[in-house]
PDB file of N, CA and C in Angstrom:
ATOM      1  N   VAL A   1     112.960 140.302  76.982  1.00  0.00           N
ATOM      2  CA  VAL A   1     113.468 139.099  77.617  1.00  0.00           C
ATOM      3  C   VAL A   1     112.842 139.015  79.016  1.00  0.00           C
ATOM      4  N   SER A   2     112.228 137.847  79.305  1.00  0.00           N
ATOM      5  CA  SER A   2     111.612 137.688  80.614  1.00  0.00           C
ATOM      6  C   SER A   2     112.625 137.105  81.586  1.00  0.00           C
ATOM      7  N   PRO A   3     112.500 137.457  82.861  1.00  0.00           N
ATOM      8  CA  PRO A   3     113.452 136.901  83.842  1.00  0.00           C
ATOM      9  C   PRO A   3     113.198 135.421  84.062  1.00  0.00           C
ATOM     10  N   ASP A   4     114.223 134.738  84.526  1.00  0.00           N
ATOM     11  CA  ASP A   4     114.074 133.309  84.827  1.00  0.00           C
ATOM     12  C   ASP A   4     113.044 133.132  85.936  1.00  0.00           C
ATOM     13  N   PRO A   5     112.231 132.056  85.859  1.00  0.00           N
ATOM     14  CA  PRO A   5     111.267 131.815  86.932  1.00  0.00           C
ATOM     15  C   PRO A   5     112.003 131.454  88.219  1.00  0.00           C
ATOM     16  N   PRO A   6     111.388 131.733  89.354  1.00  0.00           N
ATOM     17  CA  PRO A   6     112.065 131.388  90.610  1.00  0.00           C
ATOM     18  C   PRO A   6     112.227 129.883  90.731  1.00  0.00           C
ATOM     19  N   PRO A   7     113.248 129.424  91.442  1.00  0.00           N
ATOM     20  CA  PRO A   7     113.430 127.979  91.599  1.00  0.00           C
ATOM     21  C   PRO A   7     112.238 127.367  92.343  1.00  0.00           C
ATOM     22  N   VAL A   8     111.905 126.142  91.967  1.00  0.00           N
ATOM     23  CA  VAL A   8     110.782 125.436  92.574  1.00  0.00           C
ATOM     24  C   VAL A   8     111.302 124.554  93.692  1.00  0.00           C
ATOM     25  N   ASP A   9     110.660 124.641  94.841  1.00  0.00           N
ATOM     26  CA  ASP A   9     111.014 123.777  95.960  1.00  0.00           C
ATOM     27  C   ASP A   9     110.328 122.428  95.729  1.00  0.00           C
ATOM     28  N   ARG A  10     111.083 121.436  95.313  1.00  0.00           N
ATOM     29  CA  ARG A  10     110.517 120.129  94.966  1.00  0.00           C
ATOM     30  C   ARG A  10     109.860 119.443  96.170  1.00  0.00           C
ATOM     31  N   ALA A  11     110.290 119.738  97.370  1.00  0.00           N
ATOM     32  CA  ALA A  11     109.725 119.085  98.551  1.00  0.00           C
ATOM     33  C   ALA A  11     108.245 119.421  98.702  1.00  0.00           C
ATOM     34  N   GLN A  12     107.825 120.590  98.236  1.00  0.00           N
ATOM     35  CA  GLN A  12     106.424 120.977  98.347  1.00  0.00           C
ATOM     36  C   GLN A  12     105.539 120.210  97.373  1.00  0.00           C
ATOM     37  N   HIS A  13     106.100 119.640  96.336  1.00  0.00           N
ATOM     38  CA  HIS A  13     105.319 119.001  95.282  1.00  0.00           C
ATOM     39  C   HIS A  13     105.348 117.478  95.325  1.00  0.00           C
ATOM     40  N   ARG A  14     105.921 116.913  96.360  1.00  0.00           N
ATOM     41  CA  ARG A  14     105.941 115.453  96.491  1.00  0.00           C
ATOM     42  C   ARG A  14     104.607 114.975  97.033  1.00  0.00           C
ATOM     43  N   PRO A  15     104.090 113.886  96.476  1.00  0.00           N
ATOM     44  CA  PRO A  15     102.845 113.354  97.036  1.00  0.00           C
ATOM     45  C   PRO A  15     103.091 112.810  98.442  1.00  0.00           C
ATOM     46  N   ALA A  16     102.081 112.911  99.267  1.00  0.00           N
ATOM     47  CA  ALA A  16     102.194 112.404 100.629  1.00  0.00           C
ATOM     48  C   ALA A  16     102.309 110.879 100.587  1.00  0.00           C
ATOM     49  N   PRO A  17     103.117 110.310 101.454  1.00  0.00           N
ATOM     50  CA  PRO A  17     103.204 108.843 101.474  1.00  0.00           C
ATOM     51  C   PRO A  17     101.874 108.254 101.920  1.00  0.00           C
ATOM     52  N   PRO A  18     101.545 107.052 101.461  1.00  0.00           N
ATOM     53  CA  PRO A  18     100.281 106.455 101.882  1.00  0.00           C
ATOM     54  C   PRO A  18     100.245 106.271 103.398  1.00  0.00           C
ATOM     55  N   ALA A  19      99.072 106.472 103.957  1.00  0.00           N
ATOM     56  CA  ALA A  19      98.926 106.340 105.409  1.00  0.00           C
ATOM     57  C   ALA A  19      99.118 104.882 105.816  1.00  0.00           C
ATOM     58  N   ALA A  20      99.836 104.692 106.893  1.00  0.00           N
ATOM     59  CA  ALA A  20     100.041 103.336 107.411  1.00  0.00           C
ATOM     60  C   ALA A  20      98.728 102.829 107.990  1.00  0.00           C
ATOM     61  N   PRO A  21      98.486 101.527 107.884  1.00  0.00           N
ATOM     62  CA  PRO A  21      97.243 101.002 108.451  1.00  0.00           C
ATOM     63  C   PRO A  21      97.222 101.190 109.966  1.00  0.00           C
ATOM     64  N   SER A  22      96.059 101.538 110.470  1.00  0.00           N
ATOM     65  CA  SER A  22      95.900 101.710 111.909  1.00  0.00           C
ATOM     66  C   SER A  22      95.513 100.409 112.587  1.00  0.00           C
ATOM     67  N   HIS A  23      94.905  99.508 111.800  1.00  0.00           N
ATOM     68  CA  HIS A  23      94.400  98.258 112.360  1.00  0.00           C
ATOM     69  C   HIS A  23      94.836  97.078 111.493  1.00  0.00           C
ATOM     70  N   ILE A  24      95.275  96.028 112.158  1.00  0.00           N
ATOM     71  CA  ILE A  24      95.616  94.786 111.474  1.00  0.00           C
ATOM     72  C   ILE A  24      94.748  93.691 112.067  1.00  0.00           C
ATOM     73  N   LEU A  25      94.004  93.028 111.203  1.00  0.00           N
ATOM     74  CA  LEU A  25      93.100  91.956 111.614  1.00  0.00           C
ATOM     75  C   LEU A  25      93.643  90.639 111.084  1.00  0.00           C
ATOM     76  N   THR A  26      93.834  89.696 111.989  1.00  0.00           N
ATOM     77  CA  THR A  26      94.274  88.357 111.611  1.00  0.00           C
ATOM     78  C   THR A  26      93.096  87.404 111.784  1.00  0.00           C
ATOM     79  N   VAL A  27      92.804  86.668 110.721  1.00  0.00           N
ATOM     80  CA  VAL A  27      91.690  85.725 110.710  1.00  0.00           C
ATOM     81  C   VAL A  27      92.269  84.323 110.620  1.00  0.00           C
ATOM     82  N   SER A  28      91.848  83.450 111.521  1.00  0.00           N
ATOM     83  CA  SER A  28      92.284  82.050 111.504  1.00  0.00           C
ATOM     84  C   SER A  28      91.040  81.173 111.453  1.00  0.00           C
ATOM     85  N   ALA A  29      90.964  80.323 110.439  1.00  0.00           N
ATOM     86  CA  ALA A  29      89.819  79.424 110.310  1.00  0.00           C
ATOM     87  C   ALA A  29      90.103  78.128 111.057  1.00  0.00           C
ATOM     88  N   THR A  30      89.200  77.773 111.981  1.00  0.00           N
ATOM     89  CA  THR A  30      89.303  76.499 112.678  1.00  0.00           C
ATOM     90  C   THR A  30      88.397  75.457 112.019  1.00  0.00           C
ATOM     91  N   GLU A  31      87.446  75.948 111.211  1.00  0.00           N
ATOM     92  CA  GLU A  31      86.567  75.116 110.389  1.00  0.00           C
ATOM     93  C   GLU A  31      86.385  75.844 109.065  1.00  0.00           C
ATOM     94  N   ASN A  32      85.891  75.153 108.068  1.00  0.00           N
ATOM     95  CA  ASN A  32      85.617  75.812 106.796  1.00  0.00           C
ATOM     96  C   ASN A  32      84.580  76.908 107.005  1.00  0.00           C
ATOM     97  N   THR A  33      84.829  78.059 106.403  1.00  0.00           N
ATOM     98  CA  THR A  33      83.895  79.178 106.509  1.00  0.00           C
ATOM     99  C   THR A  33      84.089  80.129 105.344  1.00  0.00           C
ATOM    100  N   TRP A  34      83.100  80.957 105.113  1.00  0.00           N
ATOM    101  CA  TRP A  34      83.249  82.044 104.152  1.00  0.00           C
ATOM    102  C   TRP A  34      83.194  83.350 104.917  1.00  0.00           C
ATOM    103  N   LEU A  35      83.768  84.368 104.302  1.00  0.00           N
ATOM    104  CA  LEU A  35      83.916  85.652 104.963  1.00  0.00           C
ATOM    105  C   LEU A  35      83.795  86.747 103.918  1.00  0.00           C
ATOM    106  N   LYS A  36      82.976  87.744 104.205  1.00  0.00           N
ATOM    107  CA  LYS A  36      82.878  88.935 103.365  1.00  0.00           C
ATOM    108  C   LYS A  36      83.401  90.093 104.194  1.00  0.00           C
ATOM    109  N   VAL A  37      84.347  90.846 103.650  1.00  0.00           N
ATOM    110  CA  VAL A  37      85.018  91.910 104.394  1.00  0.00           C
ATOM    111  C   VAL A  37      84.950  93.214 103.614  1.00  0.00           C
ATOM    112  N   VAL A  38      84.570  94.285 104.317  1.00  0.00           N
ATOM    113  CA  VAL A  38      84.657  95.634 103.773  1.00  0.00           C
ATOM    114  C   VAL A  38      85.595  96.408 104.682  1.00  0.00           C
ATOM    115  N   THR A  39      86.719  96.866 104.136  1.00  0.00           N
ATOM    116  CA  THR A  39      87.660  97.655 104.927  1.00  0.00           C
ATOM    117  C   THR A  39      87.498  99.120 104.563  1.00  0.00           C
ATOM    118  N   ASP A  40      87.444  99.961 105.570  1.00  0.00           N
ATOM    119  CA  ASP A  40      87.341 101.412 105.383  1.00  0.00           C
ATOM    120  C   ASP A  40      86.222 101.804 104.424  1.00  0.00           C
ATOM    121  N   GLN A  41      85.111 101.099 104.459  1.00  0.00           N
ATOM    122  CA  GLN A  41      83.942 101.371 103.621  1.00  0.00           C
ATOM    123  C   GLN A  41      84.281 101.302 102.133  1.00  0.00           C
ATOM    124  N   GLY A  42      85.216 100.425 101.794  1.00  0.00           N
ATOM    125  CA  GLY A  42      85.638 100.260 100.411  1.00  0.00           C
ATOM    126  C   GLY A  42      84.856  99.166  99.707  1.00  0.00           C
ATOM    127  N   ILE A  43      85.500  98.543  98.747  1.00  0.00           N
ATOM    128  CA  ILE A  43      84.886  97.490  97.951  1.00  0.00           C
ATOM    129  C   ILE A  43      84.914  96.178  98.732  1.00  0.00           C
ATOM    130  N   PRO A  44      83.797  95.461  98.808  1.00  0.00           N
ATOM    131  CA  PRO A  44      83.771  94.188  99.542  1.00  0.00           C
ATOM    132  C   PRO A  44      84.686  93.134  98.900  1.00  0.00           C
ATOM    133  N   ALA A  45      85.290  92.321  99.736  1.00  0.00           N
ATOM    134  CA  ALA A  45      86.087  91.185  99.279  1.00  0.00           C
ATOM    135  C   ALA A  45      85.533  89.939  99.954  1.00  0.00           C
ATOM    136  N   GLU A  46      85.488  88.831  99.218  1.00  0.00           N
ATOM    137  CA  GLU A  46      84.972  87.582  99.770  1.00  0.00           C
ATOM    138  C   GLU A  46      86.070  86.532  99.785  1.00  0.00           C
ATOM    139  N   TYR A  47      86.053  85.719 100.848  1.00  0.00           N
ATOM    140  CA  TYR A  47      87.052  84.671 101.033  1.00  0.00           C
ATOM    141  C   TYR A  47      86.359  83.379 101.435  1.00  0.00           C
ATOM    142  N   ASN A  48      86.809  82.272 100.896  1.00  0.00           N
ATOM    143  CA  ASN A  48      86.402  80.936 101.340  1.00  0.00           C
ATOM    144  C   ASN A  48      87.614  80.329 102.026  1.00  0.00           C
ATOM    145  N   LEU A  49      87.545  80.237 103.333  1.00  0.00           N
ATOM    146  CA  LEU A  49      88.679  79.732 104.102  1.00  0.00           C
ATOM    147  C   LEU A  49      88.436  78.287 104.509  1.00  0.00           C
ATOM    148  N   LYS A  50      89.467  77.492 104.396  1.00  0.00           N
ATOM    149  CA  LYS A  50      89.415  76.112 104.863  1.00  0.00           C
ATOM    150  C   LYS A  50      90.054  76.046 106.239  1.00  0.00           C
ATOM    151  N   ALA A  51      89.680  75.044 107.012  1.00  0.00           N
ATOM    152  CA  ALA A  51      90.250  74.861 108.346  1.00  0.00           C
ATOM    153  C   ALA A  51      91.774  74.908 108.260  1.00  0.00           C
ATOM    154  N   GLY A  52      92.378  75.721 109.129  1.00  0.00           N
ATOM    155  CA  GLY A  52      93.832  75.850 109.160  1.00  0.00           C
ATOM    156  C   GLY A  52      94.367  77.022 108.357  1.00  0.00           C
ATOM    157  N   GLU A  53      93.547  77.651 107.533  1.00  0.00           N
ATOM    158  CA  GLU A  53      94.017  78.786 106.738  1.00  0.00           C
ATOM    159  C   GLU A  53      93.956  80.077 107.547  1.00  0.00           C
ATOM    160  N   HIS A  54      94.821  81.021 107.170  1.00  0.00           N
ATOM    161  CA  HIS A  54      94.925  82.311 107.865  1.00  0.00           C
ATOM    162  C   HIS A  54      94.840  83.430 106.839  1.00  0.00           C
ATOM    163  N   LEU A  55      94.402  84.579 107.314  1.00  0.00           N
ATOM    164  CA  LEU A  55      94.247  85.752 106.470  1.00  0.00           C
ATOM    165  C   LEU A  55      94.650  86.969 107.283  1.00  0.00           C
ATOM    166  N   LYS A  56      95.414  87.882 106.675  1.00  0.00           N
ATOM    167  CA  LYS A  56      95.808  89.117 107.343  1.00  0.00           C
ATOM    168  C   LYS A  56      95.229  90.281 106.546  1.00  0.00           C
ATOM    169  N   LEU A  57      94.471  91.140 107.235  1.00  0.00           N
ATOM    170  CA  LEU A  57      93.816  92.279 106.593  1.00  0.00           C
ATOM    171  C   LEU A  57      94.248  93.566 107.285  1.00  0.00           C
ATOM    172  N   GLU A  58      94.316  94.656 106.515  1.00  0.00           N
ATOM    173  CA  GLU A  58      94.726  95.942 107.068  1.00  0.00           C
ATOM    174  C   GLU A  58      93.676  96.990 106.743  1.00  0.00           C
ATOM    175  N   ALA A  59      93.449  97.914 107.686  1.00  0.00           N
ATOM    176  CA  ALA A  59      92.510  99.012 107.479  1.00  0.00           C
ATOM    177  C   ALA A  59      93.006 100.250 108.212  1.00  0.00           C
ATOM    178  N   ARG A  60      92.613 101.410 107.715  1.00  0.00           N
ATOM    179  CA  ARG A  60      92.943 102.656 108.400  1.00  0.00           C
ATOM    180  C   ARG A  60      91.941 102.963 109.499  1.00  0.00           C
ATOM    181  N   SER A  61      90.655 102.553 109.278  1.00  0.00           N
ATOM    182  CA  SER A  61      89.665 102.903 110.301  1.00  0.00           C
ATOM    183  C   SER A  61      88.792 101.723 110.723  1.00  0.00           C
ATOM    184  N   THR A  62      88.114 101.048 109.795  1.00  0.00           N
ATOM    185  CA  THR A  62      87.142 100.037 110.211  1.00  0.00           C
ATOM    186  C   THR A  62      87.166  98.784 109.346  1.00  0.00           C
ATOM    187  N   PHE A  63      86.640  97.720 109.938  1.00  0.00           N
ATOM    188  CA  PHE A  63      86.344  96.480 109.241  1.00  0.00           C
ATOM    189  C   PHE A  63      84.859  96.193 109.437  1.00  0.00           C
ATOM    190  N   ASN A  64      84.192  95.753 108.396  1.00  0.00           N
ATOM    191  CA  ASN A  64      82.827  95.241 108.499  1.00  0.00           C
ATOM    192  C   ASN A  64      82.891  93.808 107.984  1.00  0.00           C
ATOM    193  N   LEU A  65      82.614  92.838 108.859  1.00  0.00           N
ATOM    194  CA  LEU A  65      82.746  91.429 108.511  1.00  0.00           C
ATOM    195  C   LEU A  65      81.384  90.756 108.489  1.00  0.00           C
ATOM    196  N   LEU A  66      81.152  89.951 107.491  1.00  0.00           N
ATOM    197  CA  LEU A  66      80.017  89.039 107.455  1.00  0.00           C
ATOM    198  C   LEU A  66      80.632  87.645 107.464  1.00  0.00           C
ATOM    199  N   ILE A  67      80.424  86.930 108.567  1.00  0.00           N
ATOM    200  CA  ILE A  67      81.077  85.645 108.795  1.00  0.00           C
ATOM    201  C   ILE A  67      80.055  84.538 108.589  1.00  0.00           C
ATOM    202  N   GLY A  68      80.377  83.573 107.754  1.00  0.00           N
ATOM    203  CA  GLY A  68      79.449  82.502 107.427  1.00  0.00           C
ATOM    204  C   GLY A  68      79.394  81.378 108.441  1.00  0.00           C
ATOM    205  N   ASN A  69      80.394  81.235 109.270  1.00  0.00           N
ATOM    206  CA  ASN A  69      80.429  80.182 110.287  1.00  0.00           C
ATOM    207  C   ASN A  69      81.102  80.772 111.521  1.00  0.00           C
ATOM    208  N   ALA A  70      80.311  81.434 112.375  1.00  0.00           N
ATOM    209  CA  ALA A  70      80.860  82.175 113.513  1.00  0.00           C
ATOM    210  C   ALA A  70      81.687  81.301 114.453  1.00  0.00           C
ATOM    211  N   GLY A  71      81.310  80.040 114.587  1.00  0.00           N
ATOM    212  CA  GLY A  71      82.049  79.156 115.476  1.00  0.00           C
ATOM    213  C   GLY A  71      83.313  78.587 114.862  1.00  0.00           C
ATOM    214  N   GLY A  72      83.553  78.852 113.596  1.00  0.00           N
ATOM    215  CA  GLY A  72      84.708  78.281 112.906  1.00  0.00           C
ATOM    216  C   GLY A  72      85.799  79.276 112.607  1.00  0.00           C
ATOM    217  N   ILE A  73      85.835  80.378 113.359  1.00  0.00           N
ATOM    218  CA  ILE A  73      86.804  81.424 113.053  1.00  0.00           C
ATOM    219  C   ILE A  73      87.336  82.050 114.338  1.00  0.00           C
ATOM    220  N   LYS A  74      88.606  82.415 114.323  1.00  0.00           N
ATOM    221  CA  LYS A  74      89.249  83.139 115.427  1.00  0.00           C
ATOM    222  C   LYS A  74      89.769  84.450 114.852  1.00  0.00           C
ATOM    223  N   LEU A  75      89.541  85.550 115.580  1.00  0.00           N
ATOM    224  CA  LEU A  75      89.985  86.865 115.124  1.00  0.00           C
ATOM    225  C   LEU A  75      90.922  87.494 116.139  1.00  0.00           C
ATOM    226  N   ASN A  76      91.930  88.203 115.638  1.00  0.00           N
ATOM    227  CA  ASN A  76      92.825  89.017 116.456  1.00  0.00           C
ATOM    228  C   ASN A  76      92.917  90.383 115.802  1.00  0.00           C
ATOM    229  N   LEU A  77      92.601  91.432 116.562  1.00  0.00           N
ATOM    230  CA  LEU A  77      92.718  92.797 116.076  1.00  0.00           C
ATOM    231  C   LEU A  77      93.880  93.453 116.800  1.00  0.00           C
ATOM    232  N   ASN A  78      94.877  93.864 116.031  1.00  0.00           N
ATOM    233  CA  ASN A  78      96.087  94.466 116.601  1.00  0.00           C
ATOM    234  C   ASN A  78      96.689  93.576 117.692  1.00  0.00           C
ATOM    235  N   ASN A  79      96.767  92.286 117.395  1.00  0.00           N
ATOM    236  CA  ASN A  79      97.350  91.259 118.269  1.00  0.00           C
ATOM    237  C   ASN A  79      96.561  91.011 119.556  1.00  0.00           C
ATOM    238  N   LYS A  80      95.289  91.397 119.577  1.00  0.00           N
ATOM    239  CA  LYS A  80      94.432  91.118 120.736  1.00  0.00           C
ATOM    240  C   LYS A  80      93.244  90.294 120.262  1.00  0.00           C
ATOM    241  N   PRO A  81      92.880  89.233 121.008  1.00  0.00           N
ATOM    242  CA  PRO A  81      91.754  88.390 120.582  1.00  0.00           C
ATOM    243  C   PRO A  81      90.439  89.168 120.573  1.00  0.00           C
ATOM    244  N   VAL A  82      89.607  88.837 119.585  1.00  0.00           N
ATOM    245  CA  VAL A  82      88.283  89.438 119.449  1.00  0.00           C
ATOM    246  C   VAL A  82      87.250  88.346 119.686  1.00  0.00           C
ATOM    247  N   ASN A  83      86.282  88.621 120.538  1.00  0.00           N
ATOM    248  CA  ASN A  83      85.199  87.681 120.781  1.00  0.00           C
ATOM    249  C   ASN A  83      84.252  87.694 119.583  1.00  0.00           C
ATOM    250  N   VAL A  84      84.041  86.528 118.998  1.00  0.00           N
ATOM    251  CA  VAL A  84      83.108  86.402 117.876  1.00  0.00           C
ATOM    252  C   VAL A  84      81.797  85.854 118.431  1.00  0.00           C
ATOM    253  N   PRO A  85      80.738  86.681 118.415  1.00  0.00           N
ATOM    254  CA  PRO A  85      79.446  86.182 118.902  1.00  0.00           C
ATOM    255  C   PRO A  85      78.894  85.154 117.926  1.00  0.00           C
ATOM    256  N   GLY A  86      78.119  84.234 118.420  1.00  0.00           N
ATOM    257  CA  GLY A  86      77.524  83.239 117.537  1.00  0.00           C
ATOM    258  C   GLY A  86      78.139  81.874 117.735  1.00  0.00           C
ATOM    259  N   LYS A  87      77.475  80.906 117.124  1.00  0.00           N
ATOM    260  CA  LYS A  87      77.866  79.510 117.263  1.00  0.00           C
ATOM    261  C   LYS A  87      78.258  78.928 115.914  1.00  0.00           C
ATOM    262  N   ARG A  88      78.661  77.695 115.961  1.00  0.00           N
ATOM    263  CA  ARG A  88      79.028  76.959 114.766  1.00  0.00           C
ATOM    264  C   ARG A  88      77.856  76.985 113.773  1.00  0.00           C
ATOM    265  N   GLY A  89      78.140  77.374 112.541  1.00  0.00           N
ATOM    266  CA  GLY A  89      77.133  77.407 111.489  1.00  0.00           C
ATOM    267  C   GLY A  89      76.315  78.680 111.422  1.00  0.00           C
ATOM    268  N   GLU A  90      76.433  79.565 112.419  1.00  0.00           N
ATOM    269  CA  GLU A  90      75.670  80.809 112.411  1.00  0.00           C
ATOM    270  C   GLU A  90      76.363  81.886 111.578  1.00  0.00           C
ATOM    271  N   VAL A  91      75.542  82.682 110.913  1.00  0.00           N
ATOM    272  CA  VAL A  91      76.038  83.832 110.156  1.00  0.00           C
ATOM    273  C   VAL A  91      75.988  85.040 111.072  1.00  0.00           C
ATOM    274  N   VAL A  92      77.112  85.781 111.136  1.00  0.00           N
ATOM    275  CA  VAL A  92      77.226  86.912 112.049  1.00  0.00           C
ATOM    276  C   VAL A  92      77.816  88.112 111.302  1.00  0.00           C
ATOM    277  N   ASN A  93      77.266  89.285 111.576  1.00  0.00           N
ATOM    278  CA  ASN A  93      77.820  90.537 111.058  1.00  0.00           C
ATOM    279  C   ASN A  93      78.551  91.218 112.206  1.00  0.00           C
ATOM    280  N   LEU A  94      79.798  91.614 111.978  1.00  0.00           N
ATOM    281  CA  LEU A  94      80.637  92.166 113.032  1.00  0.00           C
ATOM    282  C   LEU A  94      81.334  93.421 112.520  1.00  0.00           C
ATOM    283  N   HIS A  95      81.281  94.497 113.313  1.00  0.00           N
ATOM    284  CA  HIS A  95      81.983  95.744 112.977  1.00  0.00           C
ATOM    285  C   HIS A  95      83.149  95.914 113.934  1.00  0.00           C
ATOM    286  N   LEU A  96      84.327  96.175 113.397  1.00  0.00           N
ATOM    287  CA  LEU A  96      85.523  96.382 114.205  1.00  0.00           C
ATOM    288  C   LEU A  96      86.201  97.658 113.778  1.00  0.00           C
ATOM    289  N   PRO A  97      86.888  98.373 114.609  1.00  0.00           N
ATOM    290  CA  PRO A  97      86.965  98.156 116.041  1.00  0.00           C
ATOM    291  C   PRO A  97      85.740  98.641 116.756  1.00  0.00           C
TER     292      PRO A  97
END
């Protein structure tokens, strides 16, 4: 007869909770534009935003943005405005933060 196995401490076997995002990016379109976003070097996502539309994105480390109309977009990173280089109709690549 083998002895009973020692009790297992279940707290050691719980998966770690997902990490909270470190950065929140708010995108506001003032004109129609398209946007390609890569968060944390993941899979790219594309958006077609119309004037007046908003988008909220979260990342743990970085955003890589390809903006189709630099003059038609407003960005806020962690509730602080981000200067978008470029003019209306210009395509701009932007890395944040």
